[in-house]
Protein backbone atom coordinates (compact mmCIF):
# COMPACT_ATOMS: atom_id res chain seq x y z
CA UNK A 1 100.29 146.42 58.06
CA UNK A 2 103.20 146.78 60.45
CA UNK A 3 105.64 143.92 60.94
CA UNK A 4 108.21 144.29 63.71
CA UNK A 5 107.64 148.04 63.77
CA UNK A 6 108.00 148.62 60.02
CA UNK A 7 105.21 149.42 57.59
CA UNK A 8 104.98 146.72 54.92
CA UNK A 9 102.78 146.16 51.92
CA UNK A 10 102.29 142.44 51.53
CA UNK A 11 99.42 140.67 49.79
CA UNK A 12 98.86 137.70 52.10
CA UNK A 13 95.82 136.27 53.83
CA UNK A 14 97.25 134.45 56.86
CA UNK A 15 100.15 134.49 59.29
CA UNK A 16 101.51 131.31 57.73
CA UNK A 17 101.56 132.86 54.28
CA UNK A 18 103.16 136.03 55.70
CA UNK A 19 106.07 134.00 57.09
CA UNK A 20 106.44 132.11 53.82
CA UNK A 21 106.48 135.27 51.71
CA UNK A 22 109.00 136.92 54.02
CA UNK A 23 111.20 133.79 53.95
CA UNK A 24 111.13 133.38 57.73
CA UNK A 25 112.02 129.97 59.16
CA UNK A 26 109.21 128.92 61.51
CA UNK A 27 111.28 126.88 63.97
CA UNK A 28 111.73 128.76 67.25
CA UNK A 29 109.39 131.58 66.18
CA UNK A 30 106.58 133.23 68.16
CA UNK A 31 104.06 135.63 66.66
CA UNK A 32 101.88 138.28 68.25
CA UNK A 33 99.05 139.93 66.33
CA UNK A 34 97.85 143.21 67.82
CA UNK A 35 99.50 142.30 71.11
CA UNK A 36 98.02 138.79 71.34
CA UNK A 37 100.21 135.68 71.02
CA UNK A 38 98.88 133.41 68.29
CA UNK A 39 99.45 129.65 68.76
CA UNK A 40 101.38 128.01 65.91
CA UNK A 41 98.41 125.70 65.27
CA UNK A 42 96.35 128.77 64.26
CA UNK A 43 98.86 130.55 62.00
CA UNK A 44 97.18 129.36 58.78
CA UNK A 45 93.69 130.17 60.12
CA UNK A 46 94.27 133.77 61.28
CA UNK A 47 93.05 136.18 58.59
CA UNK A 48 95.19 139.31 58.42
CA UNK A 49 93.98 142.88 58.02
CA UNK A 50 95.82 145.97 56.74
CA UNK A 51 95.55 147.56 60.21
CA UNK A 52 97.24 144.61 62.00
CA UNK A 53 100.46 145.00 63.94
CA UNK A 54 102.52 141.82 63.78
CA UNK A 55 105.54 141.06 65.95
CA UNK A 56 107.69 138.10 64.94
CA UNK A 57 110.23 136.95 67.50
CA UNK A 58 112.87 134.26 67.02
CA UNK A 59 114.60 132.40 69.82
CA UNK A 60 118.35 132.85 69.85
CA UNK A 61 120.94 130.56 71.40
CA UNK A 62 123.63 131.92 73.66
CA UNK A 63 123.67 134.07 76.69
């Protein structure tokens, strides 16, 4: 699986568990799986595959 452009080996089943294992705070975060934005309400329902490409983006304050 690729996460933010890096190959990772993580034994997780869902986006929610991926964030938890990586220690990522979920507030202000958006996730795309294979180029498709996944609504936060579906993070625990989306089953991940080894071939998935995940992009995790955090909002940042400032300008």
